[in-house]
Amino acid sequence: MNIIACVKQVPDTEARIRIAADKVSIDEAEVSMALNPFDEYAVEEALRLKEKFGGDVTVISVGEDKAVTALRNCLAMGADKAVLLKDGAFSGSDSLAVARILAAAIQPRDYDLLLFGKQAVGEDHCQVGPLVAEILNLPYVTSITRLEIHEKAAVAHREIEGATEVFECPLAAVFTAQKGLNEPRYASLKGIMMAKKKPIETLSLADIGLSASDVGAEGALTKIKALSPPPVRSEGKVIEGEPAEVARELAKFLSDDAKII
């Protein structure tokens, strides 16, 4: 079974984010970057399926040279091949343009399964996986928490409020991974050392057969007009005294000042 996992390098979830001078991007100068957490579930599931059915796992990312770090992390976990899609023309791509880039790189490859994280924590759009499936005309199930492979079909489970949905679809298919699907492994020291020696294939716009009008800002249907930080929270209020007195003061504050009750 040949599996492709699409991954993205994103700001560390614990990093302090600052808006760049252009007001439409974040300042990455002092921000540590990491493999998107939801993509870790996708890569782990790909590795488990390879261990069960054989084949190989290829990880693909759209990004700059720094995205190599995320790809090497996947190789250290056990992925067999890595591909970096890098071109200046990709700058400004929205979810649809990124999906076009990935689909163009994936289409000529031999694959049985495509795995994505359900969303990238940098922007939380939840769109790239389903868009790639639509472009490649493949069935897809999003936010899965369980995946079973039976010959040329797959059964996927996804949690909804108060119930579980179960879908069956033929392969090849696209699935996006949710927390709970598995527990991603840590890369071993041996895996880290081996990952340093594995080549990473780099492809440009011309290599995947797209035109500039398909990608970047020109191919994007959505554009960021401006970014702004959330409003600064006002200082809290401490009420001291006997419980009955504190309760009265709190109720008065919530009613008269906060206008909550």
C-alpha atoms as a PDB file:
ATOM      1  CA  MET A   1       0.000   0.000   0.000  1.00  0.00           C
ATOM      2  CA  ASN A   2       1.434   3.342  -1.078  1.00  0.00           C
ATOM      3  CA  ILE A   3       0.367   6.246   1.099  1.00  0.00           C
ATOM      4  CA  ILE A   4       0.938   9.978   0.732  1.00  0.00           C
ATOM      5  CA  ALA A   5       0.680  12.249   3.781  1.00  0.00           C
ATOM      6  CA  CYS A   6       0.545  15.997   3.173  1.00  0.00           C
ATOM      7  CA  VAL A   7       2.060  18.055   5.979  1.00  0.00           C
ATOM      8  CA  LYS A   8       2.726  21.671   6.870  1.00  0.00           C
ATOM      9  CA  GLN A   9       5.195  23.502   9.081  1.00  0.00           C
ATOM     10  CA  VAL A  10       3.352  25.925  11.386  1.00  0.00           C
ATOM     11  CA  PRO A  11       4.211  28.215  14.318  1.00  0.00           C
ATOM     12  CA  ASP A  12       4.630  26.298  17.555  1.00  0.00           C
ATOM     13  CA  THR A  13       1.333  26.394  19.431  1.00  0.00           C
ATOM     14  CA  GLU A  14       3.100  27.818  22.497  1.00  0.00           C
ATOM     15  CA  ALA A  15       4.884  30.575  20.563  1.00  0.00           C
ATOM     16  CA  ARG A  16       4.076  34.250  21.141  1.00  0.00           C
ATOM     17  CA  ILE A  17       2.739  35.514  17.818  1.00  0.00           C
ATOM     18  CA  ARG A  18       3.485  39.020  16.517  1.00  0.00           C
ATOM     19  CA  ILE A  19       2.037  40.625  13.412  1.00  0.00           C
ATOM     20  CA  ALA A  20       4.578  41.570  10.740  1.00  0.00           C
ATOM     21  CA  ALA A  21       5.043  45.098   9.419  1.00  0.00           C
ATOM     22  CA  ASP A  22       2.929  44.318   6.334  1.00  0.00           C
ATOM     23  CA  LYS A  23      -0.109  43.751   8.630  1.00  0.00           C
ATOM     24  CA  VAL A  24      -1.169  40.663   6.637  1.00  0.00           C
ATOM     25  CA  SER A  25       1.286  38.049   7.945  1.00  0.00           C
ATOM     26  CA  ILE A  26       2.975  37.048  11.181  1.00  0.00           C
ATOM     27  CA  ASP A  27       6.542  37.912  12.078  1.00  0.00           C
ATOM     28  CA  GLU A  28       8.393  34.594  12.023  1.00  0.00           C
ATOM     29  CA  ALA A  29      11.775  36.028  13.027  1.00  0.00           C
ATOM     30  CA  GLU A  30      11.589  34.827  16.634  1.00  0.00           C
ATOM     31  CA  VAL A  31       8.865  32.199  16.281  1.00  0.00           C
ATOM     32  CA  SER A  32       9.799  28.539  16.573  1.00  0.00           C
ATOM     33  CA  MET A  33       8.185  26.381  13.911  1.00  0.00           C
ATOM     34  CA  ALA A  34       6.942  22.800  14.194  1.00  0.00           C
ATOM     35  CA  LEU A  35       5.132  20.072  12.312  1.00  0.00           C
ATOM     36  CA  ASN A  36       1.400  20.780  12.374  1.00  0.00           C
ATOM     37  CA  PRO A  37       0.001  18.709  15.299  1.00  0.00           C
ATOM     38  CA  PHE A  38      -2.904  17.284  13.289  1.00  0.00           C
ATOM     39  CA  ASP A  39      -0.487  16.244  10.540  1.00  0.00           C
ATOM     40  CA  GLU A  40       1.347  14.127  13.103  1.00  0.00           C
ATOM     41  CA  TYR A  41      -1.776  11.965  13.408  1.00  0.00           C
ATOM     42  CA  ALA A  42      -1.896  11.637   9.612  1.00  0.00           C
ATOM     43  CA  VAL A  43       1.764  10.573   9.405  1.00  0.00           C
ATOM     44  CA  GLU A  44       1.391   8.136  12.312  1.00  0.00           C
ATOM     45  CA  GLU A  45      -1.647   6.524  10.687  1.00  0.00           C
ATOM     46  CA  ALA A  46       0.250   6.221   7.402  1.00  0.00           C
ATOM     47  CA  LEU A  47       3.136   4.496   9.181  1.00  0.00           C
ATOM     48  CA  ARG A  48       0.824   2.067  10.979  1.00  0.00           C
ATOM     49  CA  LEU A  49      -0.869   1.119   7.719  1.00  0.00           C
ATOM     50  CA  LYS A  50       2.518   0.593   6.068  1.00  0.00           C
ATOM     51  CA  GLU A  51       3.596  -1.652   8.929  1.00  0.00           C
ATOM     52  CA  LYS A  52       0.413  -3.676   8.523  1.00  0.00           C
ATOM     53  CA  PHE A  53       0.110  -3.865   4.722  1.00  0.00           C
ATOM     54  CA  GLY A  54       3.592  -3.023   3.411  1.00  0.00           C
ATOM     55  CA  GLY A  55       4.334  -0.398   0.765  1.00  0.00           C
ATOM     56  CA  ASP A  56       5.815   3.007   1.456  1.00  0.00           C
ATOM     57  CA  VAL A  57       4.937   6.405   2.900  1.00  0.00           C
ATOM     58  CA  THR A  58       5.692   9.664   1.111  1.00  0.00           C
ATOM     59  CA  VAL A  59       5.324  13.022   2.857  1.00  0.00           C
ATOM     60  CA  ILE A  60       4.731  16.177   0.821  1.00  0.00           C
ATOM     61  CA  SER A  61       4.808  19.809   1.903  1.00  0.00           C
ATOM     62  CA  VAL A  62       4.353  23.187   0.220  1.00  0.00           C
ATOM     63  CA  GLY A  63       6.726  25.749   1.673  1.00  0.00           C
ATOM     64  CA  GLU A  64      10.134  27.373   1.794  1.00  0.00           C
ATOM     65  CA  ASP A  65      13.472  25.783   2.683  1.00  0.00           C
ATOM     66  CA  LYS A  66      12.590  25.867   6.388  1.00  0.00           C
ATOM     67  CA  ALA A  67       9.795  23.353   5.735  1.00  0.00           C
ATOM     68  CA  VAL A  68      12.570  20.773   5.321  1.00  0.00           C
ATOM     69  CA  THR A  69      12.658  20.559   9.128  1.00  0.00           C
ATOM     70  CA  ALA A  70       9.072  19.279   9.240  1.00  0.00           C
ATOM     71  CA  LEU A  71       9.776  16.817   6.430  1.00  0.00           C
ATOM     72  CA  ARG A  72      12.865  15.462   8.186  1.00  0.00           C
ATOM     73  CA  ASN A  73      10.804  15.025  11.339  1.00  0.00           C
ATOM     74  CA  CYS A  74       8.422  12.828   9.333  1.00  0.00           C
ATOM     75  CA  LEU A  75      11.352  10.879   7.877  1.00  0.00           C
ATOM     76  CA  ALA A  76      12.703  10.370  11.391  1.00  0.00           C
ATOM     77  CA  MET A  77       9.309   8.958  12.427  1.00  0.00           C
ATOM     78  CA  GLY A  78       9.627   6.383   9.638  1.00  0.00           C
ATOM     79  CA  ALA A  79       8.418   7.908   6.350  1.00  0.00           C
ATOM     80  CA  ASP A  80      10.251   6.594   3.295  1.00  0.00           C
ATOM     81  CA  LYS A  81      10.295   9.623   0.974  1.00  0.00           C
ATOM     82  CA  ALA A  82       9.837  13.374   1.245  1.00  0.00           C
ATOM     83  CA  VAL A  83       8.912  15.999  -1.335  1.00  0.00           C
ATOM     84  CA  LEU A  84       9.166  19.783  -0.935  1.00  0.00           C
ATOM     85  CA  LEU A  85       7.099  21.900  -3.322  1.00  0.00           C
ATOM     86  CA  LYS A  86       8.950  25.199  -3.404  1.00  0.00           C
ATOM     87  CA  ASP A  87       8.659  28.125  -5.815  1.00  0.00           C
ATOM     88  CA  GLY A  88       8.516  31.893  -5.449  1.00  0.00           C
ATOM     89  CA  ALA A  89       5.277  31.807  -7.442  1.00  0.00           C
ATOM     90  CA  PHE A  90       3.583  29.967  -4.560  1.00  0.00           C
ATOM     91  CA  SER A  91       3.725  33.043  -2.315  1.00  0.00           C
ATOM     92  CA  GLY A  92       0.253  34.295  -1.427  1.00  0.00           C
ATOM     93  CA  SER A  93      -1.487  30.991  -2.138  1.00  0.00           C
ATOM     94  CA  ASP A  94      -4.753  30.432  -0.291  1.00  0.00           C
ATOM     95  CA  SER A  95      -6.229  27.008   0.535  1.00  0.00           C
ATOM     96  CA  LEU A  96      -7.483  26.461  -3.024  1.00  0.00           C
ATOM     97  CA  ALA A  97      -4.153  27.397  -4.613  1.00  0.00           C
ATOM     98  CA  VAL A  98      -2.266  25.143  -2.172  1.00  0.00           C
ATOM     99  CA  ALA A  99      -4.677  22.319  -3.022  1.00  0.00           C
ATOM    100  CA  ARG A 100      -3.965  22.844  -6.724  1.00  0.00           C
ATOM    101  CA  ILE A 101      -0.226  22.629  -6.051  1.00  0.00           C
ATOM    102  CA  LEU A 102      -0.553  19.448  -4.009  1.00  0.00           C
ATOM    103  CA  ALA A 103      -2.975  17.819  -6.442  1.00  0.00           C
ATOM    104  CA  ALA A 104      -0.665  18.515  -9.377  1.00  0.00           C
ATOM    105  CA  ALA A 105       2.263  16.928  -7.531  1.00  0.00           C
ATOM    106  CA  ILE A 106       0.205  13.937  -6.349  1.00  0.00           C
ATOM    107  CA  GLN A 107      -1.709  13.138  -9.551  1.00  0.00           C
ATOM    108  CA  PRO A 108       1.093  11.336 -11.443  1.00  0.00           C
ATOM    109  CA  ARG A 109       2.177   9.306  -8.423  1.00  0.00           C
ATOM    110  CA  ASP A 110       1.172   5.774  -7.467  1.00  0.00           C
ATOM    111  CA  TYR A 111      -0.950   5.945  -4.321  1.00  0.00           C
ATOM    112  CA  ASP A 112      -3.754   4.103  -2.551  1.00  0.00           C
ATOM    113  CA  LEU A 113      -4.453   6.585   0.191  1.00  0.00           C
ATOM    114  CA  LEU A 114      -3.998  10.307   0.881  1.00  0.00           C
ATOM    115  CA  LEU A 115      -3.848  11.530   4.476  1.00  0.00           C
ATOM    116  CA  PHE A 116      -3.984  15.086   5.820  1.00  0.00           C
ATOM    117  CA  GLY A 117      -4.362  16.687   9.215  1.00  0.00           C
ATOM    118  CA  LYS A 118      -7.925  17.948   9.611  1.00  0.00           C
ATOM    119  CA  GLN A 119      -6.588  21.513   9.786  1.00  0.00           C
ATOM    120  CA  ALA A 120      -3.378  23.511  10.080  1.00  0.00           C
ATOM    121  CA  VAL A 121      -3.233  25.320  13.409  1.00  0.00           C
ATOM    122  CA  GLY A 122      -1.718  28.393  11.771  1.00  0.00           C
ATOM    123  CA  GLU A 123      -4.935  29.335   9.944  1.00  0.00           C
ATOM    124  CA  ASP A 124      -7.512  26.657  10.893  1.00  0.00           C
ATOM    125  CA  HIS A 125      -9.215  26.624   7.482  1.00  0.00           C
ATOM    126  CA  CYS A 126      -9.866  22.833   7.337  1.00  0.00           C
ATOM    127  CA  GLN A 127     -10.045  23.079   3.527  1.00  0.00           C
ATOM    128  CA  VAL A 128      -6.936  21.700   1.823  1.00  0.00           C
ATOM    129  CA  GLY A 129      -7.653  17.973   2.225  1.00  0.00           C
ATOM    130  CA  PRO A 130     -11.229  18.123   0.866  1.00  0.00           C
ATOM    131  CA  LEU A 131     -10.159  20.479  -1.947  1.00  0.00           C
ATOM    132  CA  VAL A 132      -7.421  18.075  -3.074  1.00  0.00           C
ATOM    133  CA  ALA A 133      -9.991  15.268  -3.053  1.00  0.00           C
ATOM    134  CA  GLU A 134     -12.347  17.317  -5.224  1.00  0.00           C
ATOM    135  CA  ILE A 135      -9.602  18.234  -7.690  1.00  0.00           C
ATOM    136  CA  LEU A 136      -8.489  14.597  -7.991  1.00  0.00           C
ATOM    137  CA  ASN A 137     -12.116  13.363  -8.013  1.00  0.00           C
ATOM    138  CA  LEU A 138     -11.580  11.103  -4.991  1.00  0.00           C
ATOM    139  CA  PRO A 139     -13.957  10.188  -2.158  1.00  0.00           C
ATOM    140  CA  TYR A 140     -13.037  11.728   1.184  1.00  0.00           C
ATOM    141  CA  VAL A 141     -13.957  11.683   4.863  1.00  0.00           C
ATOM    142  CA  THR A 142     -12.869  14.465   7.208  1.00  0.00           C
ATOM    143  CA  SER A 143     -11.884  14.520  10.890  1.00  0.00           C
ATOM    144  CA  ILE A 144     -11.649  10.756  11.271  1.00  0.00           C
ATOM    145  CA  THR A 145     -10.932   9.066  14.596  1.00  0.00           C
ATOM    146  CA  ARG A 146     -10.679   5.498  13.265  1.00  0.00           C
ATOM    147  CA  LEU A 147      -9.667   3.983   9.923  1.00  0.00           C
ATOM    148  CA  GLU A 148      -9.985   0.383   8.765  1.00  0.00           C
ATOM    149  CA  ILE A 149      -8.715  -0.935   5.436  1.00  0.00           C
ATOM    150  CA  HIS A 150     -10.445  -3.928   3.831  1.00  0.00           C
ATOM    151  CA  GLU A 151      -8.925  -4.989   0.496  1.00  0.00           C
ATOM    152  CA  LYS A 152      -9.821  -2.110  -1.861  1.00  0.00           C
ATOM    153  CA  ALA A 153     -12.212  -0.312   0.492  1.00  0.00           C
ATOM    154  CA  ALA A 154     -11.888   1.741   3.648  1.00  0.00           C
ATOM    155  CA  VAL A 155     -14.179   2.252   6.637  1.00  0.00           C
ATOM    156  CA  ALA A 156     -13.745   5.551   8.470  1.00  0.00           C
ATOM    157  CA  HIS A 157     -15.290   6.737  11.731  1.00  0.00           C
ATOM    158  CA  ARG A 158     -15.835  10.371  12.654  1.00  0.00           C
ATOM    159  CA  GLU A 159     -17.230  11.765  15.879  1.00  0.00           C
ATOM    160  CA  ILE A 160     -20.226  14.078  15.850  1.00  0.00           C
ATOM    161  CA  GLU A 161     -22.211  15.454  18.771  1.00  0.00           C
ATOM    162  CA  GLY A 162     -23.626  12.496  20.651  1.00  0.00           C
ATOM    163  CA  ALA A 163     -22.852   9.890  17.982  1.00  0.00           C
ATOM    164  CA  THR A 164     -20.321   8.374  15.598  1.00  0.00           C
ATOM    165  CA  GLU A 165     -20.675   8.451  11.818  1.00  0.00           C
ATOM    166  CA  VAL A 166     -19.309   5.461   9.882  1.00  0.00           C
ATOM    167  CA  PHE A 167     -18.449   5.776   6.192  1.00  0.00           C
ATOM    168  CA  GLU A 168     -17.314   3.146   3.697  1.00  0.00           C
ATOM    169  CA  CYS A 169     -15.655   4.174   0.440  1.00  0.00           C
ATOM    170  CA  PRO A 170     -13.463   2.647  -2.278  1.00  0.00           C
ATOM    171  CA  LEU A 171      -9.754   3.341  -2.549  1.00  0.00           C
ATOM    172  CA  ALA A 172      -8.001   5.513  -3.496  1.00  0.00           C
ATOM    173  CA  ALA A 173      -9.483   8.012  -1.063  1.00  0.00           C
ATOM    174  CA  VAL A 174      -8.639  11.052   1.050  1.00  0.00           C
ATOM    175  CA  PHE A 175      -8.919  11.193   4.851  1.00  0.00           C
ATOM    176  CA  THR A 176      -8.172  14.034   7.259  1.00  0.00           C
ATOM    177  CA  ALA A 177      -6.968  13.065  10.732  1.00  0.00           C
ATOM    178  CA  GLN A 178      -8.425  14.232  14.030  1.00  0.00           C
ATOM    179  CA  LYS A 179      -7.051  13.933  17.561  1.00  0.00           C
ATOM    180  CA  GLY A 180      -7.921  10.481  18.884  1.00  0.00           C
ATOM    181  CA  LEU A 181      -7.110   8.629  15.671  1.00  0.00           C
ATOM    182  CA  ASN A 182      -3.845   7.417  17.218  1.00  0.00           C
ATOM    183  CA  GLU A 183      -0.950   8.430  19.442  1.00  0.00           C
ATOM    184  CA  PRO A 184       1.935   9.741  17.283  1.00  0.00           C
ATOM    185  CA  ARG A 185       5.275   8.092  17.976  1.00  0.00           C
ATOM    186  CA  TYR A 186       8.463   9.852  18.965  1.00  0.00           C
ATOM    187  CA  ALA A 187      11.316   9.689  16.512  1.00  0.00           C
ATOM    188  CA  SER A 188      14.083   7.364  17.703  1.00  0.00           C
ATOM    189  CA  LEU A 189      17.729   8.410  17.706  1.00  0.00           C
ATOM    190  CA  LYS A 190      18.334   5.889  14.922  1.00  0.00           C
ATOM    191  CA  GLY A 191      15.437   7.360  12.943  1.00  0.00           C
ATOM    192  CA  ILE A 192      16.768  10.893  13.387  1.00  0.00           C
ATOM    193  CA  MET A 193      20.227   9.889  12.161  1.00  0.00           C
ATOM    194  CA  MET A 194      18.787   8.000   9.174  1.00  0.00           C
ATOM    195  CA  ALA A 195      16.521  10.948   8.288  1.00  0.00           C
ATOM    196  CA  LYS A 196      19.572  13.193   7.875  1.00  0.00           C
ATOM    197  CA  LYS A 197      20.811  10.955   5.064  1.00  0.00           C
ATOM    198  CA  LYS A 198      17.548  10.604   3.160  1.00  0.00           C
ATOM    199  CA  PRO A 199      17.217  12.877   0.107  1.00  0.00           C
ATOM    200  CA  ILE A 200      14.327  15.325  -0.156  1.00  0.00           C
ATOM    201  CA  GLU A 201      12.949  15.793  -3.654  1.00  0.00           C
ATOM    202  CA  THR A 202      12.323  19.466  -4.476  1.00  0.00           C
ATOM    203  CA  LEU A 203       9.803  20.418  -7.167  1.00  0.00           C
ATOM    204  CA  SER A 204       9.044  23.839  -8.655  1.00  0.00           C
ATOM    205  CA  LEU A 205       6.017  25.248 -10.450  1.00  0.00           C
ATOM    206  CA  ALA A 206       7.351  24.071 -13.804  1.00  0.00           C
ATOM    207  CA  ASP A 207       8.045  20.574 -12.470  1.00  0.00           C
ATOM    208  CA  ILE A 208       4.386  19.994 -11.571  1.00  0.00           C
ATOM    209  CA  GLY A 209       2.974  21.487 -14.764  1.00  0.00           C
ATOM    210  CA  LEU A 210       1.043  24.450 -13.363  1.00  0.00           C
ATOM    211  CA  SER A 211       0.955  28.048 -14.559  1.00  0.00           C
ATOM    212  CA  ALA A 212       1.452  31.112 -12.383  1.00  0.00           C
ATOM    213  CA  SER A 213      -2.248  31.958 -12.741  1.00  0.00           C
ATOM    214  CA  ASP A 214      -3.124  28.742 -10.853  1.00  0.00           C
ATOM    215  CA  VAL A 215      -1.129  29.530  -7.709  1.00  0.00           C
ATOM    216  CA  GLY A 216       0.110  32.345  -5.528  1.00  0.00           C
ATOM    217  CA  ALA A 217      -1.882  35.519  -5.048  1.00  0.00           C
ATOM    218  CA  GLU A 218      -3.033  35.363  -8.680  1.00  0.00           C
ATOM    219  CA  GLY A 219      -4.616  31.947  -8.204  1.00  0.00           C
ATOM    220  CA  ALA A 220      -6.090  32.732  -4.781  1.00  0.00           C
ATOM    221  CA  LEU A 221      -9.809  33.386  -4.387  1.00  0.00           C
ATOM    222  CA  THR A 222      -9.397  34.671  -0.831  1.00  0.00           C
ATOM    223  CA  LYS A 223      -7.027  37.385   0.347  1.00  0.00           C
ATOM    224  CA  ILE A 224      -6.095  38.582   3.829  1.00  0.00           C
ATOM    225  CA  LYS A 225      -6.880  42.283   4.153  1.00  0.00           C
ATOM    226  CA  ALA A 226      -5.401  42.756   7.613  1.00  0.00           C
ATOM    227  CA  LEU A 227      -4.432  40.921  10.800  1.00  0.00           C
ATOM    228  CA  SER A 228      -4.935  42.333  14.277  1.00  0.00           C
ATOM    229  CA  PRO A 229      -4.260  40.949  17.758  1.00  0.00           C
ATOM    230  CA  PRO A 230      -7.195  40.202  20.076  1.00  0.00           C
ATOM    231  CA  PRO A 231      -8.173  43.091  22.366  1.00  0.00           C
ATOM    232  CA  VAL A 232      -6.217  43.372  25.585  1.00  0.00           C
ATOM    233  CA  ARG A 233      -8.157  41.979  28.506  1.00  0.00           C
ATOM    234  CA  SER A 234      -8.993  44.400  31.276  1.00  0.00           C
ATOM    235  CA  GLU A 235      -7.690  43.705  34.754  1.00  0.00           C
ATOM    236  CA  GLY A 236      -9.716  41.339  36.896  1.00  0.00           C
ATOM    237  CA  LYS A 237     -11.497  42.371  40.077  1.00  0.00           C
ATOM    238  CA  VAL A 238     -10.815  40.687  43.400  1.00  0.00           C
ATOM    239  CA  ILE A 239     -13.651  40.620  45.940  1.00  0.00           C
ATOM    240  CA  GLU A 240     -12.664  39.827  49.502  1.00  0.00           C
ATOM    241  CA  GLY A 241     -14.686  39.274  52.645  1.00  0.00           C
ATOM    242  CA  GLU A 242     -17.142  36.823  54.144  1.00  0.00           C
ATOM    243  CA  PRO A 243     -18.788  34.351  51.707  1.00  0.00           C
ATOM    244  CA  ALA A 244     -22.232  35.957  51.957  1.00  0.00           C
ATOM    245  CA  GLU A 245     -20.807  39.425  51.419  1.00  0.00           C
ATOM    246  CA  VAL A 246     -18.647  38.254  48.493  1.00  0.00           C
ATOM    247  CA  ALA A 247     -21.672  36.600  46.873  1.00  0.00           C
ATOM    248  CA  ARG A 248     -23.704  39.839  47.107  1.00  0.00           C
ATOM    249  CA  GLU A 249     -20.853  41.916  45.687  1.00  0.00           C
ATOM    250  CA  LEU A 250     -20.284  39.433  42.885  1.00  0.00           C
ATOM    251  CA  ALA A 251     -23.973  39.359  41.925  1.00  0.00           C
ATOM    252  CA  LYS A 252     -24.075  43.172  41.973  1.00  0.00           C
ATOM    253  CA  PHE A 253     -20.954  43.388  39.784  1.00  0.00           C
ATOM    254  CA  LEU A 254     -22.269  40.844  37.241  1.00  0.00           C
ATOM    255  CA  SER A 255     -25.590  42.681  37.050  1.00  0.00           C
ATOM    256  CA  ASP A 256     -24.600  46.370  37.159  1.00  0.00           C
ATOM    257  CA  ASP A 257     -21.078  46.458  35.716  1.00  0.00           C
ATOM    258  CA  ALA A 258     -20.577  43.375  33.530  1.00  0.00           C
ATOM    259  CA  LYS A 259     -24.259  43.296  32.431  1.00  0.00           C
ATOM    260  CA  ILE A 260     -24.120  39.475  32.341  1.00  0.00           C
ATOM    261  CA  ILE A 261     -27.153  38.854  34.562  1.00  0.00           C
END
